[in-house]
């Protein structure tokens, strides 16, 4: 369920926003470290969109008390204009949620510390998000801003993070050792021995036997 925001539903929207943010960030938040100084609390209220000037004077002026009452009314706390433990705890939790969602969407390096303080770096990242989304670069995370950031953080966290496909280690192909091809030993062709021509046997000529001459 997403919370709408308009003048008539500001209180409901603000309360719903805190619940939704805790679910979106899906993370545990550190307890408030200590009580805020007057200047730190005013910085938080100013950073969340409440009309108050940041100073370190006691939280007793009417402007500051009105900002605290508006904050308490929006989040259904006891409305007395005094920054007691419950008011400070909730303020710290909202700042931590804001910081977590800025980390989820912008992925700053190093990440923004999730603490209870609305410092210069938190303001810087808010301006960066506003610039990215073509919004007025005020550095103030009012309710409308936090709703938009929460929606984007919810979408970002809900998407599975792409994991790089492992590249197979290239196994070098074993090159076969080239075995020299055995060259056949050339067998000399046996030259035929010339058969000597047969010497013709001479035909013997018969010597004629002399015929004896008859004696008279």
Protein backbone atom coordinates (compact mmCIF):
# COMPACT_ATOMS: atom_id res chain seq x y z
CA UNK A 1 0.00 0.00 0.00
CA UNK A 2 1.46 3.36 -0.97
CA UNK A 3 0.61 6.52 0.88
CA UNK A 4 -0.89 9.41 -0.99
CA UNK A 5 -0.12 12.96 0.06
CA UNK A 6 -2.28 16.03 0.10
CA UNK A 7 -3.26 18.65 2.64
CA UNK A 8 -6.11 16.61 4.08
CA UNK A 9 -4.12 13.42 4.44
CA UNK A 10 -0.77 14.82 5.58
CA UNK A 11 -0.87 13.19 9.00
CA UNK A 12 -1.86 9.76 7.65
CA UNK A 13 0.69 9.98 4.87
CA UNK A 14 3.47 10.96 7.23
CA UNK A 15 2.73 8.08 9.58
CA UNK A 16 2.50 5.60 6.72
CA UNK A 17 5.75 6.90 5.29
CA UNK A 18 7.72 5.89 8.36
CA UNK A 19 6.27 2.37 8.33
CA UNK A 20 6.86 1.95 4.62
CA UNK A 21 10.41 3.23 4.90
CA UNK A 22 11.33 0.70 7.54
CA UNK A 23 10.10 -2.10 5.30
CA UNK A 24 11.78 -0.68 2.23
CA UNK A 25 15.18 -0.29 3.77
CA UNK A 26 14.97 -3.83 5.17
CA UNK A 27 17.68 -3.05 7.64
CA UNK A 28 18.08 -2.54 11.35
CA UNK A 29 18.87 0.98 12.47
CA UNK A 30 21.15 2.01 15.26
CA UNK A 31 19.51 3.41 18.34
CA UNK A 32 19.81 7.12 18.90
CA UNK A 33 23.39 7.73 19.99
CA UNK A 34 22.63 10.58 22.35
CA UNK A 35 20.38 13.56 22.84
CA UNK A 36 20.46 16.14 20.09
CA UNK A 37 21.98 19.51 20.75
CA UNK A 38 19.58 22.36 19.90
CA UNK A 39 21.51 23.00 16.70
CA UNK A 40 21.44 19.32 15.65
CA UNK A 41 17.71 18.98 16.27
CA UNK A 42 16.98 22.16 14.35
CA UNK A 43 19.15 20.87 11.49
CA UNK A 44 17.04 17.67 11.39
CA UNK A 45 13.74 19.56 11.46
CA UNK A 46 14.95 21.98 8.80
CA UNK A 47 16.31 19.14 6.65
CA UNK A 48 12.96 17.32 6.84
CA UNK A 49 11.11 20.36 5.60
CA UNK A 50 9.94 22.09 8.78
CA UNK A 51 10.23 25.85 8.96
CA UNK A 52 12.96 26.59 11.48
CA UNK A 53 16.27 28.43 11.43
CA UNK A 54 19.31 26.42 12.44
CA UNK A 55 20.99 27.82 15.55
CA UNK A 56 22.26 26.55 18.87
CA UNK A 57 20.02 28.65 21.08
CA UNK A 58 17.63 26.86 23.52
CA UNK A 59 14.59 25.21 21.91
CA UNK A 60 12.22 27.63 23.54
CA UNK A 61 11.50 30.16 20.79
CA UNK A 62 8.06 30.00 19.26
CA UNK A 63 9.28 29.12 15.76
CA UNK A 64 11.15 26.05 17.01
CA UNK A 65 8.32 24.95 19.31
CA UNK A 66 5.87 25.20 16.41
CA UNK A 67 8.17 23.09 14.20
CA UNK A 68 8.40 20.46 16.94
CA UNK A 69 4.61 20.46 17.38
CA UNK A 70 4.09 20.04 13.63
CA UNK A 71 6.51 17.13 13.65
CA UNK A 72 4.79 15.50 16.63
CA UNK A 73 1.34 15.99 15.10
CA UNK A 74 2.43 14.48 11.78
CA UNK A 75 3.73 11.34 13.44
CA UNK A 76 1.03 11.01 16.09
CA UNK A 77 3.20 11.76 19.09
CA UNK A 78 2.13 13.68 22.13
CA UNK A 79 1.95 17.27 20.93
CA UNK A 80 3.68 19.52 23.45
CA UNK A 81 6.39 21.34 21.47
CA UNK A 82 9.10 19.75 23.61
CA UNK A 83 11.79 17.56 22.09
CA UNK A 84 11.53 14.67 24.52
CA UNK A 85 13.02 11.16 24.10
CA UNK A 86 10.20 9.84 21.86
CA UNK A 87 10.37 12.87 19.59
CA UNK A 88 14.14 12.60 19.33
CA UNK A 89 14.04 8.82 18.79
CA UNK A 90 11.61 9.19 15.89
CA UNK A 91 13.57 12.06 14.37
CA UNK A 92 16.75 9.94 14.50
CA UNK A 93 14.96 6.97 12.93
CA UNK A 94 13.59 9.06 10.05
CA UNK A 95 17.05 10.44 9.31
CA UNK A 96 18.52 6.92 9.29
CA UNK A 97 15.81 5.75 6.89
CA UNK A 98 16.50 8.72 4.63
CA UNK A 99 20.21 7.95 4.61
CA UNK A 100 19.61 4.25 3.89
CA UNK A 101 17.36 5.06 0.95
CA UNK A 102 19.87 7.56 -0.45
CA UNK A 103 22.51 4.83 -0.27
CA UNK A 104 20.21 2.34 -2.01
CA UNK A 105 19.34 4.68 -4.88
CA UNK A 106 22.51 6.72 -5.41
CA UNK A 107 25.08 4.12 -4.28
CA UNK A 108 27.59 6.72 -3.10
CA UNK A 109 31.17 5.65 -2.47
CA UNK A 110 31.78 5.57 0.42
CA UNK A 111 28.20 4.99 1.58
CA UNK A 112 26.52 7.65 3.66
CA UNK A 113 26.77 6.75 7.37
CA UNK A 114 23.36 5.87 8.79
CA UNK A 115 23.35 8.01 11.89
CA UNK A 116 20.93 10.41 13.56
CA UNK A 117 22.45 13.59 12.16
CA UNK A 118 21.41 15.67 9.18
CA UNK A 119 24.88 16.78 8.13
CA UNK A 120 26.44 18.38 5.03
CA UNK A 121 26.93 15.04 3.23
CA UNK A 122 23.28 14.05 3.69
CA UNK A 123 22.29 17.43 2.29
CA UNK A 124 24.75 17.00 -0.59
CA UNK A 125 23.27 13.63 -1.62
CA UNK A 126 19.75 15.02 -1.39
CA UNK A 127 20.77 17.74 -3.84
CA UNK A 128 22.36 15.12 -6.07
CA UNK A 129 19.10 13.15 -6.15
CA UNK A 130 17.12 16.33 -6.80
CA UNK A 131 19.41 17.25 -9.69
CA UNK A 132 19.15 13.74 -11.11
CA UNK A 133 15.35 13.99 -11.06
CA UNK A 134 15.21 17.60 -12.26
CA UNK A 135 13.89 18.90 -8.94
CA UNK A 136 14.77 22.13 -7.19
CA UNK A 137 18.14 21.60 -5.53
CA UNK A 138 17.15 22.69 -2.03
CA UNK A 139 18.90 19.97 -0.02
CA UNK A 140 15.65 19.55 1.94
CA UNK A 141 14.01 16.14 2.19
CA UNK A 142 10.39 17.13 2.74
CA UNK A 143 7.58 14.60 2.79
CA UNK A 144 7.03 14.63 -0.98
CA UNK A 145 10.75 14.11 -1.54
CA UNK A 146 10.91 11.20 0.90
CA UNK A 147 7.90 9.53 -0.71
CA UNK A 148 9.52 9.71 -4.13
CA UNK A 149 12.84 8.46 -2.79
CA UNK A 150 11.13 5.63 -0.89
CA UNK A 151 9.33 4.49 -4.03
CA UNK A 152 12.56 4.38 -6.00
CA UNK A 153 14.43 2.66 -3.16
CA UNK A 154 11.68 0.04 -2.95
CA UNK A 155 11.99 -0.61 -6.66
CA UNK A 156 15.78 -0.75 -6.49
CA UNK A 157 15.91 -3.09 -3.51
CA UNK A 158 13.19 -5.32 -5.00
CA UNK A 159 15.16 -5.99 -8.15
CA UNK A 160 17.63 -8.86 -8.05
CA UNK A 161 21.13 -7.52 -8.23
CA UNK A 162 22.80 -8.46 -11.48
CA UNK A 163 25.63 -10.85 -10.87
CA UNK A 164 28.46 -11.04 -13.33
CA UNK A 165 28.58 -14.29 -15.25
CA UNK A 166 31.73 -16.14 -14.31
CA UNK A 167 34.10 -16.20 -17.22
CA UNK A 168 35.50 -19.66 -17.79
CA UNK A 169 39.21 -19.79 -17.26
CA UNK A 170 40.73 -20.25 -20.64
CA UNK A 171 42.37 -23.65 -20.62
CA UNK A 172 45.26 -23.51 -23.00
CA UNK A 173 44.77 -26.05 -25.72
CA UNK A 174 47.66 -28.47 -25.56
CA UNK A 175 49.44 -28.22 -28.79
CA UNK A 176 50.58 -31.67 -29.87
CA UNK A 177 54.31 -31.88 -30.08
CA UNK A 178 55.07 -32.11 -33.74
CA UNK A 179 56.71 -35.40 -34.31
CA UNK A 180 58.90 -35.30 -37.33
CA UNK A 181 57.54 -37.57 -39.96
CA UNK A 182 60.04 -40.31 -40.48
CA UNK A 183 61.30 -39.97 -43.95
CA UNK A 184 61.56 -43.41 -45.41
CA UNK A 185 65.13 -44.29 -46.24
CA UNK A 186 65.32 -44.34 -49.93
CA UNK A 187 66.08 -47.90 -50.94
CA UNK A 188 68.22 -47.64 -53.97
CA UNK A 189 66.62 -49.36 -56.81
CA UNK A 190 68.75 -52.34 -57.75
CA UNK A 191 70.07 -51.71 -61.13
CA UNK A 192 69.78 -54.94 -63.13
CA UNK A 193 73.14 -56.43 -63.88
CA UNK A 194 73.56 -56.41 -67.58
CA UNK A 195 73.45 -59.96 -68.76
CA UNK A 196 76.43 -60.35 -71.08
CA UNK A 197 75.47 -61.34 -74.51
CA UNK A 198 76.19 -64.97 -75.11
CA UNK A 199 79.33 -65.37 -77.16
CA UNK A 200 78.30 -67.43 -80.19
CA UNK A 201 79.99 -70.77 -80.23
CA UNK A 202 81.94 -70.91 -83.49
CA UNK A 203 80.71 -73.56 -85.80
CA UNK A 204 83.59 -75.90 -86.49
CA UNK A 205 84.33 -76.22 -90.20
CA UNK A 206 85.03 -79.81 -91.15
CA UNK A 207 88.45 -80.15 -92.68
CA UNK A 208 87.93 -82.23 -95.82
CA UNK A 209 89.75 -85.53 -95.67
CA UNK A 210 91.99 -85.83 -98.74
CA UNK A 211 90.90 -88.52 -101.05
CA UNK A 212 93.87 -90.82 -101.74
CA UNK A 213 94.92 -90.71 -105.22
CA UNK A 214 94.92 -94.20 -106.82
CA UNK A 215 98.46 -95.50 -107.62
CA UNK A 216 98.88 -96.90 -111.10
